[in-house]
Amino acid sequence: MKEALIGLALSLSFALPLAAAPLPAEVVAPMRAADVVMLGEIHDNPAHHLIQAEALAALAPRAVVWEMMTAETAAQVTAEVIDDPDRLAEVTGWDDSGWPPLAEYLPVFRAARGARNYGALVPRAAVGTVMAEGLSASFGPEATEFGLTDPLPEAEQVAREADQQAAHCNAMPADKLWMLVDIQRLRDATLARTVLHALEQTGGPVAVITGNGHARADRGVPVYLRRAAPGLGLFALGQSEAGQLAGTFDAVIDAPEVARPDPCAAFAKP
């Protein structure tokens, strides 16, 4: 495996305009040296998807893992399907998926045209199992390999629960925060397991299209990859808005903030 690159965390930071290309050489070179490249995003920021597309064009990965699709759906996304946006929308069920409009992701899909696509979306039924049966049961027999049978250190658990509360506009019952943390861990580990599956089948490199929270090197998918496959060459790209981004990354690309409704308005009492 290529030499791990996580030690570069936050050493590179760039601000690029919406249509900027190409990516800085200081970012592309270490990405190309990695086995796995995490391409983070804020889901509804179109500038972030343009950067992801630029990164895929530079990397030409053999496999792309998507947070947004299940394994079964991603397996149907071929080059021919990508060439027909209407067919792509139909195959992925994108219009009913809850993700931002497909038009925003089309540059990413087109840049992934030569790669094999893998999906790592956790089905709702598995999420429900977390509460009923626990995290390791939801993940399956490989839970120990990925560290899901171990509780988080107390300080990290507290910090993560506080982050979840803030992300949910301080409207969550305190006794349910542990479940949100476990669901995040389940999604991270599922992405990591899918990455290793893609590496085994294609030889890599593998690129991962996912939110910044999953891409971050200090809590996200890289943590589980390092646990299950020590020595794997990793690179985590985070994408911020107006300089704001939580977590540790190997490089950060900044973009203007997108105008969006107040996410906490739905929690406001009449």
C-alpha atoms as a PDB file:
ATOM      1  CA  MET A   1       0.000   0.000   0.000  1.00  0.00           C
ATOM      2  CA  LYS A   2       1.063   3.581  -0.537  1.00  0.00           C
ATOM      3  CA  GLU A   3       2.405   5.544   2.382  1.00  0.00           C
ATOM      4  CA  ALA A   4      -0.344   6.974   4.594  1.00  0.00           C
ATOM      5  CA  LEU A   5      -0.901  10.709   4.152  1.00  0.00           C
ATOM      6  CA  ILE A   6      -3.072  11.605   7.121  1.00  0.00           C
ATOM      7  CA  GLY A   7      -0.204  13.474   8.778  1.00  0.00           C
ATOM      8  CA  LEU A   8      -0.740  16.370   6.366  1.00  0.00           C
ATOM      9  CA  ALA A   9      -3.932  17.342   8.206  1.00  0.00           C
ATOM     10  CA  LEU A  10      -4.978  20.947   7.633  1.00  0.00           C
ATOM     11  CA  SER A  11      -1.577  21.872   6.206  1.00  0.00           C
ATOM     12  CA  LEU A  12      -3.169  23.007   2.951  1.00  0.00           C
ATOM     13  CA  SER A  13      -6.025  25.466   2.565  1.00  0.00           C
ATOM     14  CA  PHE A  14      -7.219  27.122  -0.610  1.00  0.00           C
ATOM     15  CA  ALA A  15      -9.995  29.480  -1.634  1.00  0.00           C
ATOM     16  CA  LEU A  16     -11.228  28.946  -5.185  1.00  0.00           C
ATOM     17  CA  PRO A  17     -14.038  30.727  -7.064  1.00  0.00           C
ATOM     18  CA  LEU A  18     -17.091  28.774  -8.201  1.00  0.00           C
ATOM     19  CA  ALA A  19     -15.742  27.657 -11.590  1.00  0.00           C
ATOM     20  CA  ALA A  20     -12.060  27.410 -10.658  1.00  0.00           C
ATOM     21  CA  ALA A  21      -9.984  24.724 -12.365  1.00  0.00           C
ATOM     22  CA  PRO A  22      -7.695  22.970 -12.120  1.00  0.00           C
ATOM     23  CA  LEU A  23      -7.149  22.083  -8.500  1.00  0.00           C
ATOM     24  CA  PRO A  24      -3.864  23.313  -6.994  1.00  0.00           C
ATOM     25  CA  ALA A  25      -0.949  20.985  -7.669  1.00  0.00           C
ATOM     26  CA  GLU A  26      -0.285  20.896  -3.915  1.00  0.00           C
ATOM     27  CA  VAL A  27      -3.607  19.082  -3.553  1.00  0.00           C
ATOM     28  CA  VAL A  28      -3.542  16.905  -6.650  1.00  0.00           C
ATOM     29  CA  ALA A  29      -0.096  15.400  -6.049  1.00  0.00           C
ATOM     30  CA  PRO A  30      -0.804  13.857  -2.622  1.00  0.00           C
ATOM     31  CA  MET A  31      -4.270  12.758  -3.765  1.00  0.00           C
ATOM     32  CA  ARG A  32      -2.679  10.844  -6.624  1.00  0.00           C
ATOM     33  CA  ALA A  33      -0.309   9.156  -4.179  1.00  0.00           C
ATOM     34  CA  ALA A  34      -3.171   7.764  -2.079  1.00  0.00           C
ATOM     35  CA  ASP A  35      -5.099   4.513  -2.282  1.00  0.00           C
ATOM     36  CA  VAL A  36      -8.292   6.191  -1.044  1.00  0.00           C
ATOM     37  CA  VAL A  37      -9.316   9.818  -1.505  1.00  0.00           C
ATOM     38  CA  MET A  38     -12.176  11.232   0.543  1.00  0.00           C
ATOM     39  CA  LEU A  39     -13.891  14.072  -1.346  1.00  0.00           C
ATOM     40  CA  GLY A  40     -15.999  15.904   1.208  1.00  0.00           C
ATOM     41  CA  GLU A  41     -18.834  18.298   0.487  1.00  0.00           C
ATOM     42  CA  ILE A  42     -21.664  20.318   1.879  1.00  0.00           C
ATOM     43  CA  HIS A  43     -24.402  18.553  -0.009  1.00  0.00           C
ATOM     44  CA  ASP A  44     -26.222  21.600  -1.390  1.00  0.00           C
ATOM     45  CA  ASN A  45     -23.186  23.654  -2.410  1.00  0.00           C
ATOM     46  CA  PRO A  46     -22.770  23.389  -6.219  1.00  0.00           C
ATOM     47  CA  ALA A  47     -19.198  24.717  -6.027  1.00  0.00           C
ATOM     48  CA  HIS A  48     -18.231  21.698  -3.946  1.00  0.00           C
ATOM     49  CA  HIS A  49     -19.504  19.329  -6.618  1.00  0.00           C
ATOM     50  CA  LEU A  50     -17.460  21.105  -9.274  1.00  0.00           C
ATOM     51  CA  ILE A  51     -14.356  20.580  -7.137  1.00  0.00           C
ATOM     52  CA  GLN A  52     -15.231  16.911  -6.692  1.00  0.00           C
ATOM     53  CA  ALA A  53     -15.617  16.552 -10.461  1.00  0.00           C
ATOM     54  CA  GLU A  54     -12.262  18.243 -10.994  1.00  0.00           C
ATOM     55  CA  ALA A  55     -10.661  15.900  -8.479  1.00  0.00           C
ATOM     56  CA  LEU A  56     -12.131  12.814 -10.151  1.00  0.00           C
ATOM     57  CA  ALA A  57     -10.864  14.013 -13.532  1.00  0.00           C
ATOM     58  CA  ALA A  58      -7.382  14.413 -12.071  1.00  0.00           C
ATOM     59  CA  LEU A  59      -7.439  11.065 -10.252  1.00  0.00           C
ATOM     60  CA  ALA A  60      -9.182   8.814 -12.790  1.00  0.00           C
ATOM     61  CA  PRO A  61     -10.066   6.374  -9.973  1.00  0.00           C
ATOM     62  CA  ARG A  62     -11.021   2.807 -10.745  1.00  0.00           C
ATOM     63  CA  ALA A  63     -13.859   2.977  -8.232  1.00  0.00           C
ATOM     64  CA  VAL A  64     -16.104   5.679  -6.781  1.00  0.00           C
ATOM     65  CA  VAL A  65     -18.013   5.087  -3.542  1.00  0.00           C
ATOM     66  CA  TRP A  66     -21.150   7.173  -3.059  1.00  0.00           C
ATOM     67  CA  GLU A  67     -22.794   8.050   0.240  1.00  0.00           C
ATOM     68  CA  MET A  68     -25.981   8.845  -1.701  1.00  0.00           C
ATOM     69  CA  MET A  69     -26.765   5.408  -3.142  1.00  0.00           C
ATOM     70  CA  THR A  70     -27.267   1.877  -1.887  1.00  0.00           C
ATOM     71  CA  ALA A  71     -25.032  -0.895  -3.186  1.00  0.00           C
ATOM     72  CA  GLU A  72     -27.847  -2.221  -5.363  1.00  0.00           C
ATOM     73  CA  THR A  73     -28.550   1.170  -6.926  1.00  0.00           C
ATOM     74  CA  ALA A  74     -24.926   2.095  -7.569  1.00  0.00           C
ATOM     75  CA  ALA A  75     -24.320  -1.222  -9.342  1.00  0.00           C
ATOM     76  CA  GLN A  76     -26.800  -0.098 -12.016  1.00  0.00           C
ATOM     77  CA  VAL A  77     -25.026   3.220 -12.665  1.00  0.00           C
ATOM     78  CA  THR A  78     -22.988   2.521 -15.778  1.00  0.00           C
ATOM     79  CA  ALA A  79     -21.372   4.913 -18.238  1.00  0.00           C
ATOM     80  CA  GLU A  80     -24.388   4.531 -20.505  1.00  0.00           C
ATOM     81  CA  VAL A  81     -26.768   5.451 -17.707  1.00  0.00           C
ATOM     82  CA  ILE A  82     -24.672   8.488 -16.762  1.00  0.00           C
ATOM     83  CA  ASP A  83     -24.829   9.694 -20.370  1.00  0.00           C
ATOM     84  CA  ASP A  84     -28.637   9.925 -20.103  1.00  0.00           C
ATOM     85  CA  PRO A  85     -29.648  12.210 -17.189  1.00  0.00           C
ATOM     86  CA  ASP A  86     -33.286  11.120 -17.346  1.00  0.00           C
ATOM     87  CA  ARG A  87     -32.273   7.486 -17.154  1.00  0.00           C
ATOM     88  CA  LEU A  88     -29.823   8.270 -14.346  1.00  0.00           C
ATOM     89  CA  ALA A  89     -32.609   9.948 -12.368  1.00  0.00           C
ATOM     90  CA  GLU A  90     -34.842   6.934 -12.932  1.00  0.00           C
ATOM     91  CA  VAL A  91     -32.234   4.326 -12.003  1.00  0.00           C
ATOM     92  CA  THR A  92     -31.174   6.145  -8.837  1.00  0.00           C
ATOM     93  CA  GLY A  93     -34.660   7.323  -7.829  1.00  0.00           C
ATOM     94  CA  TRP A  94     -32.934  10.641  -7.278  1.00  0.00           C
ATOM     95  CA  ASP A  95     -36.003  12.856  -7.409  1.00  0.00           C
ATOM     96  CA  ASP A  96     -37.459  11.068  -4.379  1.00  0.00           C
ATOM     97  CA  SER A  97     -34.177  10.543  -2.545  1.00  0.00           C
ATOM     98  CA  GLY A  98     -34.070  13.760  -0.522  1.00  0.00           C
ATOM     99  CA  TRP A  99     -30.652  14.754  -1.893  1.00  0.00           C
ATOM    100  CA  PRO A 100     -30.156  18.110  -3.644  1.00  0.00           C
ATOM    101  CA  PRO A 101     -31.167  18.233  -7.340  1.00  0.00           C
ATOM    102  CA  LEU A 102     -29.436  15.760  -9.609  1.00  0.00           C
ATOM    103  CA  ALA A 103     -28.307  18.617 -11.843  1.00  0.00           C
ATOM    104  CA  GLU A 104     -25.890  19.658  -9.095  1.00  0.00           C
ATOM    105  CA  TYR A 105     -24.338  16.175  -9.007  1.00  0.00           C
ATOM    106  CA  LEU A 106     -24.205  15.613 -12.773  1.00  0.00           C
ATOM    107  CA  PRO A 107     -20.636  16.989 -13.100  1.00  0.00           C
ATOM    108  CA  VAL A 108     -19.542  14.450 -10.479  1.00  0.00           C
ATOM    109  CA  PHE A 109     -21.296  11.548 -12.172  1.00  0.00           C
ATOM    110  CA  ARG A 110     -19.829  12.512 -15.534  1.00  0.00           C
ATOM    111  CA  ALA A 111     -16.330  12.717 -14.070  1.00  0.00           C
ATOM    112  CA  ALA A 112     -16.881   9.230 -12.602  1.00  0.00           C
ATOM    113  CA  ARG A 113     -17.940   7.806 -15.963  1.00  0.00           C
ATOM    114  CA  GLY A 114     -14.865   5.592 -16.342  1.00  0.00           C
ATOM    115  CA  ALA A 115     -15.011   4.176 -12.814  1.00  0.00           C
ATOM    116  CA  ARG A 116     -16.997   1.385 -11.217  1.00  0.00           C
ATOM    117  CA  ASN A 117     -19.627   2.800  -8.873  1.00  0.00           C
ATOM    118  CA  TYR A 118     -20.313   1.514  -5.358  1.00  0.00           C
ATOM    119  CA  GLY A 119     -23.020   2.583  -2.943  1.00  0.00           C
ATOM    120  CA  ALA A 120     -22.752   2.790   0.826  1.00  0.00           C
ATOM    121  CA  LEU A 121     -26.093   4.315   1.830  1.00  0.00           C
ATOM    122  CA  VAL A 122     -27.328   2.708   5.048  1.00  0.00           C
ATOM    123  CA  PRO A 123     -30.936   1.528   4.611  1.00  0.00           C
ATOM    124  CA  ARG A 124     -33.533   2.907   7.006  1.00  0.00           C
ATOM    125  CA  ALA A 125     -34.147  -0.577   8.400  1.00  0.00           C
ATOM    126  CA  ALA A 126     -30.530  -0.816   9.530  1.00  0.00           C
ATOM    127  CA  VAL A 127     -30.742   2.576  11.174  1.00  0.00           C
ATOM    128  CA  GLY A 128     -33.763   1.368  13.126  1.00  0.00           C
ATOM    129  CA  THR A 129     -31.810  -1.677  14.277  1.00  0.00           C
ATOM    130  CA  VAL A 130     -29.310   0.587  16.049  1.00  0.00           C
ATOM    131  CA  MET A 131     -31.929   1.551  18.595  1.00  0.00           C
ATOM    132  CA  ALA A 132     -33.447  -1.901  18.899  1.00  0.00           C
ATOM    133  CA  GLU A 133     -30.371  -4.140  18.882  1.00  0.00           C
ATOM    134  CA  GLY A 134     -27.299  -1.924  19.125  1.00  0.00           C
ATOM    135  CA  LEU A 135     -24.563  -0.678  16.834  1.00  0.00           C
ATOM    136  CA  SER A 136     -22.564  -3.875  16.333  1.00  0.00           C
ATOM    137  CA  ALA A 137     -25.670  -5.923  15.520  1.00  0.00           C
ATOM    138  CA  SER A 138     -26.677  -3.356  12.925  1.00  0.00           C
ATOM    139  CA  PHE A 139     -23.297  -3.586  11.217  1.00  0.00           C
ATOM    140  CA  GLY A 140     -22.892  -7.346  11.319  1.00  0.00           C
ATOM    141  CA  PRO A 141     -20.095  -9.827  12.017  1.00  0.00           C
ATOM    142  CA  GLU A 142     -17.296  -7.434  10.984  1.00  0.00           C
ATOM    143  CA  ALA A 143     -18.161  -4.986  13.771  1.00  0.00           C
ATOM    144  CA  THR A 144     -15.084  -5.853  15.823  1.00  0.00           C
ATOM    145  CA  GLU A 145     -12.766  -5.453  12.828  1.00  0.00           C
ATOM    146  CA  PHE A 146     -14.004  -1.897  12.353  1.00  0.00           C
ATOM    147  CA  GLY A 147     -13.999  -1.012  16.050  1.00  0.00           C
ATOM    148  CA  LEU A 148     -17.761  -0.797  16.489  1.00  0.00           C
ATOM    149  CA  THR A 149     -17.790  -3.093  19.505  1.00  0.00           C
ATOM    150  CA  ASP A 150     -15.665  -0.584  21.430  1.00  0.00           C
ATOM    151  CA  PRO A 151     -17.331   2.419  23.081  1.00  0.00           C
ATOM    152  CA  LEU A 152     -15.946   5.831  22.255  1.00  0.00           C
ATOM    153  CA  PRO A 153     -13.776   7.503  24.897  1.00  0.00           C
ATOM    154  CA  GLU A 154     -16.056   9.402  27.270  1.00  0.00           C
ATOM    155  CA  ALA A 155     -14.784  12.847  26.260  1.00  0.00           C
ATOM    156  CA  GLU A 156     -15.311  12.077  22.573  1.00  0.00           C
ATOM    157  CA  GLN A 157     -18.787  10.679  23.199  1.00  0.00           C
ATOM    158  CA  VAL A 158     -19.757  13.850  25.069  1.00  0.00           C
ATOM    159  CA  ALA A 159     -18.318  16.052  22.326  1.00  0.00           C
ATOM    160  CA  ARG A 160     -20.093  14.119  19.601  1.00  0.00           C
ATOM    161  CA  GLU A 161     -23.416  14.249  21.400  1.00  0.00           C
ATOM    162  CA  ALA A 162     -23.010  18.015  21.794  1.00  0.00           C
ATOM    163  CA  ASP A 163     -22.319  18.315  18.069  1.00  0.00           C
ATOM    164  CA  GLN A 164     -25.404  16.273  17.257  1.00  0.00           C
ATOM    165  CA  GLN A 165     -27.517  18.435  19.524  1.00  0.00           C
ATOM    166  CA  ALA A 166     -26.244  21.574  17.832  1.00  0.00           C
ATOM    167  CA  ALA A 167     -26.827  20.055  14.387  1.00  0.00           C
ATOM    168  CA  HIS A 168     -30.426  19.353  15.394  1.00  0.00           C
ATOM    169  CA  CYS A 169     -31.018  22.902  16.622  1.00  0.00           C
ATOM    170  CA  ASN A 170     -30.917  21.878  20.302  1.00  0.00           C
ATOM    171  CA  ALA A 171     -34.266  20.166  19.820  1.00  0.00           C
ATOM    172  CA  MET A 172     -33.310  16.534  20.471  1.00  0.00           C
ATOM    173  CA  PRO A 173     -34.118  14.751  23.738  1.00  0.00           C
ATOM    174  CA  ALA A 174     -30.831  14.292  25.577  1.00  0.00           C
ATOM    175  CA  ASP A 175     -31.437  10.566  26.038  1.00  0.00           C
ATOM    176  CA  LYS A 176     -31.577  10.037  22.248  1.00  0.00           C
ATOM    177  CA  LEU A 177     -28.261  11.680  21.379  1.00  0.00           C
ATOM    178  CA  TRP A 178     -26.293   8.453  21.833  1.00  0.00           C
ATOM    179  CA  MET A 179     -28.371   6.938  19.020  1.00  0.00           C
ATOM    180  CA  LEU A 180     -27.478   9.749  16.623  1.00  0.00           C
ATOM    181  CA  VAL A 181     -23.795   9.242  17.408  1.00  0.00           C
ATOM    182  CA  ASP A 182     -24.100   5.488  16.811  1.00  0.00           C
ATOM    183  CA  ILE A 183     -25.899   6.042  13.513  1.00  0.00           C
ATOM    184  CA  GLN A 184     -23.064   8.304  12.390  1.00  0.00           C
ATOM    185  CA  ARG A 185     -20.546   5.610  13.358  1.00  0.00           C
ATOM    186  CA  LEU A 186     -22.600   3.012  11.469  1.00  0.00           C
ATOM    187  CA  ARG A 187     -22.589   5.163   8.332  1.00  0.00           C
ATOM    188  CA  ASP A 188     -18.850   5.846   8.607  1.00  0.00           C
ATOM    189  CA  ALA A 189     -18.020   2.178   9.050  1.00  0.00           C
ATOM    190  CA  THR A 190     -20.330   1.165   6.189  1.00  0.00           C
ATOM    191  CA  LEU A 191     -18.567   3.603   3.887  1.00  0.00           C
ATOM    192  CA  ALA A 192     -15.201   2.219   5.027  1.00  0.00           C
ATOM    193  CA  ARG A 193     -16.267  -1.385   4.452  1.00  0.00           C
ATOM    194  CA  THR A 194     -17.509  -0.486   0.973  1.00  0.00           C
ATOM    195  CA  VAL A 195     -14.201   1.247   0.205  1.00  0.00           C
ATOM    196  CA  LEU A 196     -12.270  -1.898   1.113  1.00  0.00           C
ATOM    197  CA  HIS A 197     -14.626  -3.983  -1.007  1.00  0.00           C
ATOM    198  CA  ALA A 198     -14.060  -1.623  -3.947  1.00  0.00           C
ATOM    199  CA  LEU A 199     -10.294  -1.774  -3.443  1.00  0.00           C
ATOM    200  CA  GLU A 200     -10.353  -5.561  -3.403  1.00  0.00           C
ATOM    201  CA  GLN A 201     -12.405  -5.761  -6.581  1.00  0.00           C
ATOM    202  CA  THR A 202     -10.725  -3.012  -8.630  1.00  0.00           C
ATOM    203  CA  GLY A 203      -7.275  -2.527  -7.122  1.00  0.00           C
ATOM    204  CA  GLY A 204      -7.953   1.180  -6.613  1.00  0.00           C
ATOM    205  CA  PRO A 205      -7.499   3.994  -6.324  1.00  0.00           C
ATOM    206  CA  VAL A 206     -10.899   4.651  -4.803  1.00  0.00           C
ATOM    207  CA  ALA A 207     -12.578   8.041  -4.471  1.00  0.00           C
ATOM    208  CA  VAL A 208     -15.412   8.639  -2.001  1.00  0.00           C
ATOM    209  CA  ILE A 209     -18.181  11.192  -2.586  1.00  0.00           C
ATOM    210  CA  THR A 210     -19.593  12.100   0.808  1.00  0.00           C
ATOM    211  CA  GLY A 211     -20.354  14.835   3.282  1.00  0.00           C
ATOM    212  CA  ASN A 212     -17.565  16.531   5.185  1.00  0.00           C
ATOM    213  CA  GLY A 213     -18.610  14.821   8.405  1.00  0.00           C
ATOM    214  CA  HIS A 214     -17.846  11.404   6.929  1.00  0.00           C
ATOM    215  CA  ALA A 215     -14.684  12.617   5.168  1.00  0.00           C
ATOM    216  CA  ARG A 216     -12.971  14.118   8.194  1.00  0.00           C
ATOM    217  CA  ALA A 217      -9.805  12.308   9.219  1.00  0.00           C
ATOM    218  CA  ASP A 218     -10.288  12.628  12.981  1.00  0.00           C
ATOM    219  CA  ARG A 219     -13.765  11.066  13.271  1.00  0.00           C
ATOM    220  CA  GLY A 220     -15.010   9.876   9.923  1.00  0.00           C
ATOM    221  CA  VAL A 221     -14.354   7.092   7.445  1.00  0.00           C
ATOM    222  CA  PRO A 222     -10.526   7.346   7.667  1.00  0.00           C
ATOM    223  CA  VAL A 223     -10.704   6.285  11.334  1.00  0.00           C
ATOM    224  CA  TYR A 224     -12.373   3.004  10.363  1.00  0.00           C
ATOM    225  CA  LEU A 225     -10.092   2.449   7.389  1.00  0.00           C
ATOM    226  CA  ARG A 226      -7.021   2.858   9.574  1.00  0.00           C
ATOM    227  CA  ARG A 227      -8.517   0.375  12.040  1.00  0.00           C
ATOM    228  CA  ALA A 228      -9.406  -2.271   9.442  1.00  0.00           C
ATOM    229  CA  ALA A 229      -6.539  -1.733   6.974  1.00  0.00           C
ATOM    230  CA  PRO A 230      -3.466  -0.195   8.643  1.00  0.00           C
ATOM    231  CA  GLY A 231      -0.976   1.296   6.223  1.00  0.00           C
ATOM    232  CA  LEU A 232      -3.574   2.222   3.619  1.00  0.00           C
ATOM    233  CA  GLY A 233      -2.707   5.474   1.840  1.00  0.00           C
ATOM    234  CA  LEU A 234      -5.447   7.982   2.668  1.00  0.00           C
ATOM    235  CA  PHE A 235      -6.164  11.577   1.682  1.00  0.00           C
ATOM    236  CA  ALA A 236      -9.094  13.581   3.052  1.00  0.00           C
ATOM    237  CA  LEU A 237     -10.274  16.708   1.233  1.00  0.00           C
ATOM    238  CA  GLY A 238     -12.685  18.933   3.130  1.00  0.00           C
ATOM    239  CA  GLN A 239     -14.759  21.695   1.551  1.00  0.00           C
ATOM    240  CA  SER A 240     -15.690  24.676   3.640  1.00  0.00           C
ATOM    241  CA  GLU A 241     -18.010  27.641   3.247  1.00  0.00           C
ATOM    242  CA  ALA A 242     -16.663  31.111   4.013  1.00  0.00           C
ATOM    243  CA  GLY A 243     -13.772  29.521   5.908  1.00  0.00           C
ATOM    244  CA  GLN A 244     -15.963  27.492   8.272  1.00  0.00           C
ATOM    245  CA  LEU A 245     -15.394  23.755   8.608  1.00  0.00           C
ATOM    246  CA  ALA A 246     -15.216  21.408  11.583  1.00  0.00           C
ATOM    247  CA  GLY A 247     -12.741  18.563  11.673  1.00  0.00           C
ATOM    248  CA  THR A 248      -9.286  17.568  10.472  1.00  0.00           C
ATOM    249  CA  PHE A 249      -8.449  17.175   6.791  1.00  0.00           C
ATOM    250  CA  ASP A 250      -5.353  16.846   4.633  1.00  0.00           C
ATOM    251  CA  ALA A 251      -6.446  19.847   2.571  1.00  0.00           C
ATOM    252  CA  VAL A 252      -9.394  22.237   2.591  1.00  0.00           C
ATOM    253  CA  ILE A 253     -10.937  24.039  -0.378  1.00  0.00           C
ATOM    254  CA  ASP A 254     -13.101  27.037   0.495  1.00  0.00           C
ATOM    255  CA  ALA A 255     -16.145  28.269  -1.414  1.00  0.00           C
ATOM    256  CA  PRO A 256     -18.712  31.037  -0.885  1.00  0.00           C
ATOM    257  CA  GLU A 257     -21.610  30.259   1.400  1.00  0.00           C
ATOM    258  CA  VAL A 258     -24.832  29.139  -0.265  1.00  0.00           C
ATOM    259  CA  ALA A 259     -28.017  31.015   0.615  1.00  0.00           C
ATOM    260  CA  ARG A 260     -30.407  28.555   2.231  1.00  0.00           C
ATOM    261  CA  PRO A 261     -33.432  28.677   4.566  1.00  0.00           C
ATOM    262  CA  ASP A 262     -32.846  28.623   8.296  1.00  0.00           C
ATOM    263  CA  PRO A 263     -32.515  24.887   9.073  1.00  0.00           C
ATOM    264  CA  CYS A 264     -33.850  25.481  12.578  1.00  0.00           C
ATOM    265  CA  ALA A 265     -37.095  27.119  11.427  1.00  0.00           C
ATOM    266  CA  ALA A 266     -38.851  23.745  11.383  1.00  0.00           C
ATOM    267  CA  PHE A 267     -38.048  23.307  15.095  1.00  0.00           C
ATOM    268  CA  ALA A 268     -39.403  26.707  16.129  1.00  0.00           C
ATOM    269  CA  LYS A 269     -42.502  26.655  18.273  1.00  0.00           C
ATOM    270  CA  PRO A 270     -45.573  28.600  16.978  1.00  0.00           C
END
